[in-house]
Amino acid sequence: FCKSLRGSDPDSALYYMERLIAAGCDPLLIARRLVAHASEDVGLADFHAMPLAVSAMLALERMGLPEGRIPLAHAVIYVCTAPKSNSVICALEAAHADATQCPDDFVPLHLRNHYRGDEAHAGYRYPHDYGGWVDQQYLPDSLKDRIYYRPGKNGAEAAIVLQKHEGKGKKPSGDDNG
């Protein structure tokens, strides 16, 4: 079931879903796996996949079997046919590795307890004063050049522009998520 979701094969995913249910598998387990794959394998390439999978899980919980199989099948087909990107899981894993290996790094002073007019934190630039985005350091000094999220090339993710990463010479973190 999981490999069929990842491999974009709705026919085999539906078959394995039905086989699992027929064998007595709790269909909520199938729904939970579907939600995980919607984030892990589709991710931001199609940001509708995860809410649809969650909605199918909720519908299954509320409707039960046999009717709950219908929204579950709907979401299975959607996840299978959606463009794929694993950039969310790659970013999460890279950030997790740094967070656990560098837990004592300090938040930059200009970000701590900021409020307008606070002279002690005078280096902070309020993003809304700059059109919603401003180039400034948010990560601790030892990680300031890290990039965790790198958009993939499929679906909606291809259109995402990360201005903070352009031309900054930041050091990539983790494996290439393509």
N, C-alpha and C. Protein backbone atom coordinates (compact mmCIF):
# COMPACT_ATOMS: atom_id res chain seq x y z
N PHE A 1 0.83 -1.20 0.00
CA PHE A 1 0.00 0.00 0.00
C PHE A 1 0.87 1.25 0.00
N CYS A 2 1.81 1.32 0.93
CA CYS A 2 2.65 2.51 1.06
C CYS A 2 3.51 2.72 -0.19
N LYS A 3 4.11 1.67 -0.69
CA LYS A 3 4.96 1.81 -1.89
C LYS A 3 4.13 2.21 -3.10
N SER A 4 2.87 1.76 -3.17
CA SER A 4 1.99 2.13 -4.28
C SER A 4 1.63 3.61 -4.21
N LEU A 5 1.40 4.13 -3.00
CA LEU A 5 1.14 5.57 -2.85
C LEU A 5 2.34 6.37 -3.33
N ARG A 6 3.51 5.99 -2.85
CA ARG A 6 4.74 6.68 -3.20
C ARG A 6 5.04 6.55 -4.69
N GLY A 7 4.71 5.41 -5.25
CA GLY A 7 5.00 5.14 -6.65
C GLY A 7 3.94 5.62 -7.62
N SER A 8 2.93 6.33 -7.15
CA SER A 8 1.90 6.95 -7.98
C SER A 8 1.06 5.93 -8.75
N ASP A 9 0.73 4.81 -8.11
CA ASP A 9 -0.06 3.77 -8.75
C ASP A 9 -1.40 3.61 -8.02
N PRO A 10 -2.44 4.35 -8.46
CA PRO A 10 -3.71 4.29 -7.74
C PRO A 10 -4.38 2.92 -7.79
N ASP A 11 -4.18 2.17 -8.88
CA ASP A 11 -4.82 0.86 -8.97
C ASP A 11 -4.30 -0.09 -7.91
N SER A 12 -2.98 -0.17 -7.77
CA SER A 12 -2.44 -1.08 -6.75
C SER A 12 -2.69 -0.55 -5.34
N ALA A 13 -2.67 0.77 -5.15
CA ALA A 13 -2.95 1.32 -3.83
C ALA A 13 -4.38 0.98 -3.40
N LEU A 14 -5.33 1.12 -4.31
CA LEU A 14 -6.72 0.75 -3.99
C LEU A 14 -6.85 -0.74 -3.71
N TYR A 15 -6.18 -1.55 -4.50
CA TYR A 15 -6.22 -3.00 -4.29
C TYR A 15 -5.68 -3.35 -2.90
N TYR A 16 -4.51 -2.80 -2.55
CA TYR A 16 -3.93 -3.12 -1.24
C TYR A 16 -4.76 -2.55 -0.10
N MET A 17 -5.36 -1.37 -0.30
CA MET A 17 -6.25 -0.82 0.71
C MET A 17 -7.40 -1.80 0.97
N GLU A 18 -8.04 -2.27 -0.09
CA GLU A 18 -9.15 -3.20 0.06
C GLU A 18 -8.70 -4.54 0.62
N ARG A 19 -7.53 -5.00 0.22
CA ARG A 19 -7.01 -6.26 0.75
C ARG A 19 -6.75 -6.16 2.25
N LEU A 20 -6.18 -5.03 2.67
CA LEU A 20 -5.92 -4.81 4.10
C LEU A 20 -7.22 -4.78 4.89
N ILE A 21 -8.22 -4.06 4.38
CA ILE A 21 -9.50 -3.97 5.07
C ILE A 21 -10.16 -5.35 5.15
N ALA A 22 -10.13 -6.09 4.03
CA ALA A 22 -10.73 -7.43 4.00
C ALA A 22 -10.05 -8.38 4.97
N ALA A 23 -8.74 -8.15 5.22
CA ALA A 23 -7.99 -9.02 6.13
C ALA A 23 -8.20 -8.62 7.59
N GLY A 24 -8.96 -7.54 7.83
CA GLY A 24 -9.24 -7.13 9.20
C GLY A 24 -8.39 -5.99 9.72
N CYS A 25 -7.58 -5.38 8.88
CA CYS A 25 -6.77 -4.22 9.29
C CYS A 25 -7.70 -3.07 9.67
N ASP A 26 -7.39 -2.38 10.73
CA ASP A 26 -8.15 -1.21 11.12
C ASP A 26 -8.02 -0.17 10.00
N PRO A 27 -9.11 0.25 9.37
CA PRO A 27 -9.00 1.22 8.28
C PRO A 27 -8.43 2.57 8.73
N LEU A 28 -8.48 2.87 10.02
CA LEU A 28 -7.86 4.11 10.50
C LEU A 28 -6.34 4.05 10.38
N LEU A 29 -5.77 2.86 10.47
CA LEU A 29 -4.34 2.70 10.23
C LEU A 29 -4.02 3.06 8.78
N ILE A 30 -4.84 2.63 7.87
CA ILE A 30 -4.66 2.97 6.46
C ILE A 30 -4.78 4.48 6.27
N ALA A 31 -5.77 5.08 6.91
CA ALA A 31 -5.96 6.53 6.81
C ALA A 31 -4.77 7.29 7.39
N ARG A 32 -4.24 6.84 8.51
CA ARG A 32 -3.06 7.50 9.11
C ARG A 32 -1.86 7.41 8.18
N ARG A 33 -1.66 6.26 7.55
CA ARG A 33 -0.55 6.11 6.60
C ARG A 33 -0.75 7.04 5.41
N LEU A 34 -1.99 7.19 4.99
CA LEU A 34 -2.30 8.07 3.87
C LEU A 34 -1.95 9.52 4.20
N VAL A 35 -2.29 9.95 5.41
CA VAL A 35 -1.95 11.31 5.84
C VAL A 35 -0.43 11.48 5.86
N ALA A 36 0.28 10.48 6.39
CA ALA A 36 1.74 10.56 6.43
C ALA A 36 2.32 10.67 5.02
N HIS A 37 1.83 9.87 4.10
CA HIS A 37 2.35 9.92 2.73
C HIS A 37 1.97 11.21 2.02
N ALA A 38 0.82 11.78 2.35
CA ALA A 38 0.43 13.05 1.74
C ALA A 38 1.43 14.14 2.09
N SER A 39 2.00 14.08 3.29
CA SER A 39 3.02 15.07 3.68
C SER A 39 4.41 14.65 3.25
N GLU A 40 4.72 13.38 3.43
CA GLU A 40 6.08 12.90 3.19
C GLU A 40 6.41 12.77 1.71
N ASP A 41 5.47 12.30 0.91
CA ASP A 41 5.76 12.00 -0.49
C ASP A 41 5.17 13.00 -1.48
N VAL A 42 4.10 13.67 -1.12
CA VAL A 42 3.52 14.70 -1.98
C VAL A 42 3.99 16.06 -1.49
N GLY A 43 3.84 16.30 -0.20
CA GLY A 43 4.33 17.53 0.41
C GLY A 43 3.78 18.78 -0.25
N LEU A 44 4.66 19.73 -0.48
CA LEU A 44 4.27 21.02 -1.02
C LEU A 44 4.15 21.02 -2.54
N ALA A 45 4.42 19.89 -3.18
CA ALA A 45 4.18 19.81 -4.63
C ALA A 45 2.68 19.94 -4.91
N ASP A 46 1.86 19.48 -3.95
CA ASP A 46 0.41 19.67 -4.03
C ASP A 46 -0.09 19.81 -2.60
N PHE A 47 -0.20 21.04 -2.14
CA PHE A 47 -0.53 21.28 -0.73
C PHE A 47 -1.97 20.95 -0.39
N HIS A 48 -2.77 20.50 -1.36
CA HIS A 48 -4.13 20.05 -1.08
C HIS A 48 -4.17 18.59 -0.62
N ALA A 49 -3.11 17.84 -0.88
CA ALA A 49 -3.12 16.40 -0.59
C ALA A 49 -3.28 16.12 0.90
N MET A 50 -2.55 16.81 1.74
CA MET A 50 -2.61 16.53 3.17
C MET A 50 -3.97 16.88 3.77
N PRO A 51 -4.53 18.07 3.51
CA PRO A 51 -5.87 18.32 4.06
C PRO A 51 -6.92 17.35 3.52
N LEU A 52 -6.79 16.93 2.28
CA LEU A 52 -7.73 15.96 1.74
C LEU A 52 -7.60 14.62 2.46
N ALA A 53 -6.37 14.19 2.72
CA ALA A 53 -6.15 12.93 3.43
C ALA A 53 -6.70 13.02 4.86
N VAL A 54 -6.49 14.14 5.52
CA VAL A 54 -7.02 14.33 6.88
C VAL A 54 -8.55 14.33 6.84
N SER A 55 -9.13 14.97 5.85
CA SER A 55 -10.59 14.97 5.71
C SER A 55 -11.13 13.56 5.49
N ALA A 56 -10.41 12.77 4.69
CA ALA A 56 -10.83 11.39 4.46
C ALA A 56 -10.76 10.58 5.76
N MET A 57 -9.71 10.81 6.55
CA MET A 57 -9.58 10.12 7.82
C MET A 57 -10.73 10.50 8.76
N LEU A 58 -11.04 11.78 8.81
CA LEU A 58 -12.15 12.24 9.65
C LEU A 58 -13.47 11.65 9.16
N ALA A 59 -13.68 11.64 7.86
CA ALA A 59 -14.91 11.06 7.31
C ALA A 59 -15.00 9.58 7.65
N LEU A 60 -13.90 8.87 7.54
CA LEU A 60 -13.88 7.45 7.90
C LEU A 60 -14.23 7.26 9.38
N GLU A 61 -13.65 8.10 10.24
CA GLU A 61 -13.95 8.01 11.67
C GLU A 61 -15.43 8.25 11.94
N ARG A 62 -16.01 9.22 11.26
CA ARG A 62 -17.40 9.59 11.51
C ARG A 62 -18.40 8.63 10.85
N MET A 63 -18.04 8.12 9.66
CA MET A 63 -18.96 7.28 8.90
C MET A 63 -18.81 5.80 9.20
N GLY A 64 -17.58 5.39 9.49
CA GLY A 64 -17.32 3.97 9.66
C GLY A 64 -17.37 3.24 8.33
N LEU A 65 -17.29 1.91 8.42
CA LEU A 65 -17.36 1.08 7.22
C LEU A 65 -18.82 0.69 6.99
N PRO A 66 -19.25 0.46 5.81
CA PRO A 66 -18.48 0.43 4.57
C PRO A 66 -18.36 1.79 3.88
N GLU A 67 -19.24 2.78 4.24
CA GLU A 67 -19.25 4.05 3.54
C GLU A 67 -17.94 4.82 3.63
N GLY A 68 -17.23 4.67 4.75
CA GLY A 68 -15.98 5.38 4.94
C GLY A 68 -14.90 5.01 3.94
N ARG A 69 -15.07 3.89 3.26
CA ARG A 69 -14.12 3.49 2.23
C ARG A 69 -14.14 4.46 1.05
N ILE A 70 -15.29 5.11 0.81
CA ILE A 70 -15.42 5.99 -0.36
C ILE A 70 -14.50 7.22 -0.24
N PRO A 71 -14.59 8.01 0.85
CA PRO A 71 -13.65 9.14 0.96
C PRO A 71 -12.20 8.67 1.09
N LEU A 72 -11.99 7.51 1.68
CA LEU A 72 -10.63 6.98 1.77
C LEU A 72 -10.10 6.67 0.37
N ALA A 73 -10.91 6.04 -0.47
CA ALA A 73 -10.50 5.76 -1.85
C ALA A 73 -10.25 7.06 -2.62
N HIS A 74 -11.11 8.05 -2.39
CA HIS A 74 -10.95 9.37 -3.02
C HIS A 74 -9.55 9.93 -2.71
N ALA A 75 -9.20 9.91 -1.44
CA ALA A 75 -7.90 10.46 -1.03
C ALA A 75 -6.74 9.60 -1.51
N VAL A 76 -6.91 8.29 -1.55
CA VAL A 76 -5.86 7.40 -2.06
C VAL A 76 -5.56 7.74 -3.52
N ILE A 77 -6.60 7.88 -4.32
CA ILE A 77 -6.40 8.22 -5.73
C ILE A 77 -5.75 9.59 -5.86
N TYR A 78 -6.17 10.55 -5.05
CA TYR A 78 -5.60 11.89 -5.11
C TYR A 78 -4.10 11.86 -4.78
N VAL A 79 -3.75 11.20 -3.69
CA VAL A 79 -2.34 11.14 -3.28
C VAL A 79 -1.51 10.42 -4.35
N CYS A 80 -2.04 9.37 -4.91
CA CYS A 80 -1.30 8.64 -5.95
C CYS A 80 -1.06 9.48 -7.19
N THR A 81 -2.04 10.26 -7.59
CA THR A 81 -1.93 11.01 -8.84
C THR A 81 -1.35 12.41 -8.66
N ALA A 82 -1.12 12.81 -7.44
CA ALA A 82 -0.53 14.13 -7.18
C ALA A 82 0.95 14.13 -7.53
N PRO A 83 1.50 15.31 -7.92
CA PRO A 83 2.94 15.41 -8.10
C PRO A 83 3.64 15.11 -6.78
N LYS A 84 4.85 14.63 -6.83
CA LYS A 84 5.56 14.20 -5.63
C LYS A 84 6.74 15.11 -5.30
N SER A 85 6.96 15.29 -4.02
CA SER A 85 8.13 15.99 -3.51
C SER A 85 8.37 15.54 -2.08
N ASN A 86 9.60 15.21 -1.77
CA ASN A 86 9.94 14.83 -0.40
C ASN A 86 10.70 15.94 0.33
N SER A 87 10.59 17.16 -0.15
CA SER A 87 11.34 18.27 0.46
C SER A 87 10.92 18.53 1.91
N VAL A 88 9.66 18.28 2.25
CA VAL A 88 9.20 18.50 3.63
C VAL A 88 9.94 17.56 4.58
N ILE A 89 9.98 16.27 4.26
CA ILE A 89 10.63 15.31 5.14
C ILE A 89 12.14 15.53 5.16
N CYS A 90 12.73 15.88 4.03
CA CYS A 90 14.17 16.16 4.00
C CYS A 90 14.51 17.37 4.87
N ALA A 91 13.70 18.42 4.77
CA ALA A 91 13.93 19.61 5.59
C ALA A 91 13.76 19.29 7.07
N LEU A 92 12.71 18.54 7.39
CA LEU A 92 12.46 18.16 8.78
C LEU A 92 13.62 17.36 9.36
N GLU A 93 14.10 16.38 8.62
CA GLU A 93 15.20 15.55 9.11
C GLU A 93 16.49 16.34 9.30
N ALA A 94 16.79 17.24 8.37
CA ALA A 94 17.99 18.06 8.51
C ALA A 94 17.89 19.02 9.69
N ALA A 95 16.72 19.65 9.87
CA ALA A 95 16.52 20.55 11.01
C ALA A 95 16.57 19.78 12.32
N HIS A 96 15.97 18.59 12.34
CA HIS A 96 16.00 17.76 13.55
C HIS A 96 17.43 17.39 13.92
N ALA A 97 18.23 17.02 12.94
CA ALA A 97 19.63 16.66 13.22
C ALA A 97 20.38 17.83 13.85
N ASP A 98 20.22 19.02 13.29
CA ASP A 98 20.91 20.19 13.87
C ASP A 98 20.33 20.57 15.23
N ALA A 99 19.02 20.46 15.39
CA ALA A 99 18.40 20.81 16.68
C ALA A 99 18.86 19.89 17.79
N THR A 100 19.08 18.61 17.48
CA THR A 100 19.53 17.68 18.51
C THR A 100 21.04 17.72 18.71
N GLN A 101 21.79 18.10 17.69
CA GLN A 101 23.24 18.15 17.81
C GLN A 101 23.74 19.52 18.28
N CYS A 102 22.93 20.55 18.15
CA CYS A 102 23.31 21.90 18.55
C CYS A 102 22.23 22.52 19.43
N PRO A 103 21.80 21.84 20.49
CA PRO A 103 20.65 22.34 21.26
C PRO A 103 20.94 23.57 22.09
N ASP A 104 22.21 23.90 22.32
CA ASP A 104 22.53 25.01 23.20
C ASP A 104 22.92 26.28 22.46
N ASP A 105 22.78 26.28 21.15
CA ASP A 105 23.09 27.50 20.40
C ASP A 105 22.09 28.58 20.78
N PHE A 106 22.58 29.81 20.85
CA PHE A 106 21.75 30.91 21.32
C PHE A 106 20.97 31.57 20.18
N VAL A 107 19.75 31.94 20.49
CA VAL A 107 18.95 32.72 19.57
C VAL A 107 19.64 34.07 19.41
N PRO A 108 19.78 34.58 18.18
CA PRO A 108 20.44 35.88 17.99
C PRO A 108 19.78 36.96 18.86
N LEU A 109 20.61 37.83 19.42
CA LEU A 109 20.13 38.86 20.35
C LEU A 109 19.01 39.71 19.76
N HIS A 110 19.11 40.07 18.49
CA HIS A 110 18.10 40.97 17.91
C HIS A 110 16.73 40.30 17.78
N LEU A 111 16.64 38.98 18.02
CA LEU A 111 15.35 38.30 17.93
C LEU A 111 14.72 38.06 19.30
N ARG A 112 15.46 38.24 20.35
CA ARG A 112 14.96 37.91 21.69
C ARG A 112 14.00 38.96 22.23
N ASN A 113 12.82 38.54 22.62
CA ASN A 113 11.83 39.39 23.29
C ASN A 113 11.71 40.77 22.66
N HIS A 114 11.61 40.80 21.36
CA HIS A 114 11.57 42.07 20.65
C HIS A 114 10.21 42.75 20.77
N TYR A 115 10.25 44.04 20.89
CA TYR A 115 9.07 44.88 20.74
C TYR A 115 9.55 46.21 20.21
N ARG A 116 8.69 46.88 19.48
CA ARG A 116 9.09 48.15 18.85
C ARG A 116 9.57 49.14 19.91
N GLY A 117 10.65 49.79 19.60
CA GLY A 117 11.20 50.79 20.50
C GLY A 117 12.14 50.22 21.54
N ASP A 118 12.36 48.93 21.54
CA ASP A 118 13.26 48.29 22.50
C ASP A 118 14.69 48.49 22.04
N GLU A 119 15.42 49.38 22.68
CA GLU A 119 16.79 49.69 22.29
C GLU A 119 17.75 48.53 22.47
N ALA A 120 17.48 47.64 23.41
CA ALA A 120 18.37 46.51 23.65
C ALA A 120 18.37 45.53 22.47
N HIS A 121 17.33 45.54 21.68
CA HIS A 121 17.24 44.62 20.54
C HIS A 121 17.18 45.40 19.24
N ALA A 122 17.92 46.49 19.19
CA ALA A 122 17.89 47.38 18.03
C ALA A 122 18.49 46.74 16.80
N GLY A 123 18.58 45.80 16.33
CA GLY A 123 19.05 45.24 15.08
C GLY A 123 17.97 44.45 14.41
N TYR A 124 16.86 44.30 15.11
CA TYR A 124 15.77 43.53 14.53
C TYR A 124 15.06 44.36 13.48
N ARG A 125 14.79 43.76 12.36
CA ARG A 125 14.03 44.41 11.29
C ARG A 125 12.68 43.71 11.17
N TYR A 126 11.63 44.46 11.42
CA TYR A 126 10.26 43.94 11.39
C TYR A 126 9.88 43.65 9.94
N PRO A 127 9.66 42.38 9.59
CA PRO A 127 9.43 42.01 8.19
C PRO A 127 8.29 42.78 7.52
N HIS A 128 7.24 43.13 8.26
CA HIS A 128 6.12 43.83 7.65
C HIS A 128 6.48 45.26 7.23
N ASP A 129 7.55 45.80 7.81
CA ASP A 129 8.03 47.11 7.38
C ASP A 129 8.78 47.02 6.06
N TYR A 130 9.05 45.82 5.60
CA TYR A 130 9.83 45.58 4.38
C TYR A 130 9.02 44.78 3.35
N GLY A 131 7.71 44.86 3.41
CA GLY A 131 6.89 44.15 2.45
C GLY A 131 6.62 42.70 2.81
N GLY A 132 6.91 42.28 4.04
CA GLY A 132 6.63 40.93 4.49
C GLY A 132 7.85 40.04 4.57
N TRP A 133 8.99 40.47 4.04
CA TRP A 133 10.21 39.68 4.08
C TRP A 133 11.39 40.62 4.18
N VAL A 134 12.36 40.25 5.01
CA VAL A 134 13.58 41.03 5.13
C VAL A 134 14.73 40.07 5.36
N ASP A 135 15.86 40.37 4.76
CA ASP A 135 17.05 39.54 4.93
C ASP A 135 17.69 39.86 6.27
N GLN A 136 17.61 38.92 7.20
CA GLN A 136 18.28 39.05 8.48
C GLN A 136 18.51 37.66 9.04
N GLN A 137 19.41 37.57 9.99
CA GLN A 137 19.76 36.27 10.56
C GLN A 137 18.71 35.84 11.57
N TYR A 138 18.18 34.63 11.38
CA TYR A 138 17.21 34.06 12.30
C TYR A 138 17.79 32.86 13.05
N LEU A 139 18.68 32.12 12.42
CA LEU A 139 19.27 30.95 13.07
C LEU A 139 20.43 31.37 13.98
N PRO A 140 20.80 30.51 14.92
CA PRO A 140 21.98 30.79 15.75
C PRO A 140 23.23 30.94 14.88
N ASP A 141 24.25 31.61 15.41
CA ASP A 141 25.47 31.88 14.66
C ASP A 141 26.07 30.62 14.03
N SER A 142 26.11 29.52 14.77
CA SER A 142 26.76 28.31 14.26
C SER A 142 25.97 27.68 13.11
N LEU A 143 24.72 28.06 12.95
CA LEU A 143 23.88 27.47 11.90
C LEU A 143 23.37 28.51 10.91
N LYS A 144 23.88 29.73 10.98
CA LYS A 144 23.30 30.84 10.24
C LYS A 144 23.25 30.64 8.74
N ASP A 145 24.10 29.80 8.19
CA ASP A 145 24.10 29.60 6.74
C ASP A 145 23.40 28.32 6.31
N ARG A 146 22.72 27.65 7.23
CA ARG A 146 22.07 26.39 6.90
C ARG A 146 20.80 26.63 6.08
N ILE A 147 20.54 25.71 5.18
CA ILE A 147 19.30 25.69 4.42
C ILE A 147 18.68 24.32 4.65
N TYR A 148 17.51 24.30 5.21
CA TYR A 148 16.82 23.04 5.44
C TYR A 148 15.79 22.77 4.34
N TYR A 149 15.03 23.78 4.01
CA TYR A 149 14.00 23.59 3.00
C TYR A 149 14.51 24.02 1.63
N ARG A 150 14.53 23.07 0.73
CA ARG A 150 14.85 23.34 -0.67
C ARG A 150 13.70 22.83 -1.51
N PRO A 151 12.97 23.74 -2.17
CA PRO A 151 11.80 23.31 -2.92
C PRO A 151 12.18 22.33 -4.03
N GLY A 152 11.27 21.37 -4.25
CA GLY A 152 11.45 20.42 -5.33
C GLY A 152 11.06 21.05 -6.66
N LYS A 153 11.02 20.24 -7.69
CA LYS A 153 10.77 20.75 -9.03
C LYS A 153 9.40 20.35 -9.57
N ASN A 154 8.57 19.71 -8.75
CA ASN A 154 7.28 19.22 -9.22
C ASN A 154 6.12 20.03 -8.66
N GLY A 155 5.05 20.10 -9.44
CA GLY A 155 3.81 20.72 -9.00
C GLY A 155 3.97 22.14 -8.51
N ALA A 156 3.20 22.48 -7.48
CA ALA A 156 3.19 23.84 -6.94
C ALA A 156 4.53 24.25 -6.38
N GLU A 157 5.31 23.28 -5.95
CA GLU A 157 6.60 23.61 -5.34
C GLU A 157 7.56 24.24 -6.33
N ALA A 158 7.40 23.95 -7.61
CA ALA A 158 8.26 24.54 -8.62
C ALA A 158 8.13 26.05 -8.67
N ALA A 159 6.99 26.57 -8.22
CA ALA A 159 6.74 28.01 -8.27
C ALA A 159 7.18 28.74 -7.00
N ILE A 160 7.56 28.01 -5.98
CA ILE A 160 7.94 28.64 -4.71
C ILE A 160 9.30 29.33 -4.87
N VAL A 161 9.35 30.57 -4.49
CA VAL A 161 10.60 31.33 -4.56
C VAL A 161 11.02 31.66 -3.14
N LEU A 162 12.22 31.22 -2.76
CA LEU A 162 12.72 31.52 -1.42
C LEU A 162 13.77 32.61 -1.53
N GLN A 163 13.33 33.85 -1.43
CA GLN A 163 14.22 34.98 -1.60
C GLN A 163 15.38 34.97 -0.61
N LYS A 164 15.14 34.47 0.58
CA LYS A 164 16.20 34.50 1.59
C LYS A 164 17.35 33.59 1.23
N HIS A 165 17.13 32.63 0.30
CA HIS A 165 18.19 31.70 -0.08
C HIS A 165 18.92 32.12 -1.34
N GLU A 166 18.37 33.06 -2.08
CA GLU A 166 18.98 33.45 -3.34
C GLU A 166 20.23 34.28 -3.10
N GLY A 167 21.33 33.81 -3.65
CA GLY A 167 22.57 34.56 -3.63
C GLY A 167 23.18 34.77 -2.27
N LYS A 168 22.80 34.03 -1.27
CA LYS A 168 23.34 34.24 0.06
C LYS A 168 24.50 33.30 0.37
N GLY A 169 24.80 32.38 -0.53
CA GLY A 169 25.90 31.45 -0.31
C GLY A 169 25.69 30.54 0.88
N LYS A 170 24.45 30.19 1.17
CA LYS A 170 24.18 29.34 2.32
C LYS A 170 24.61 27.91 2.06
N LYS A 171 25.04 27.26 3.10
CA LYS A 171 25.52 25.89 3.02
C LYS A 171 24.34 24.93 3.10
N PRO A 172 24.14 24.07 2.07
CA PRO A 172 23.03 23.13 2.13
C PRO A 172 23.17 22.16 3.30
N SER A 173 22.03 21.71 3.81
CA SER A 173 22.02 20.76 4.90
C SER A 173 21.29 19.51 4.45
N GLY A 174 21.83 18.35 4.74
CA GLY A 174 21.17 17.09 4.38
C GLY A 174 21.39 16.73 2.93
N ASP A 175 20.70 15.70 2.47
CA ASP A 175 20.83 15.22 1.11
C ASP A 175 19.98 16.04 0.16
N ASP A 176 20.35 16.02 -1.12
CA ASP A 176 19.55 16.69 -2.14
C ASP A 176 18.22 16.00 -2.26
N ASN A 177 17.14 16.75 -2.15
CA ASN A 177 15.82 16.13 -2.17
C ASN A 177 15.18 16.12 -3.53
N GLY A 178 15.80 16.77 -4.52
CA GLY A 178 15.32 16.75 -5.89
C GLY A 178 13.90 16.88 -5.99
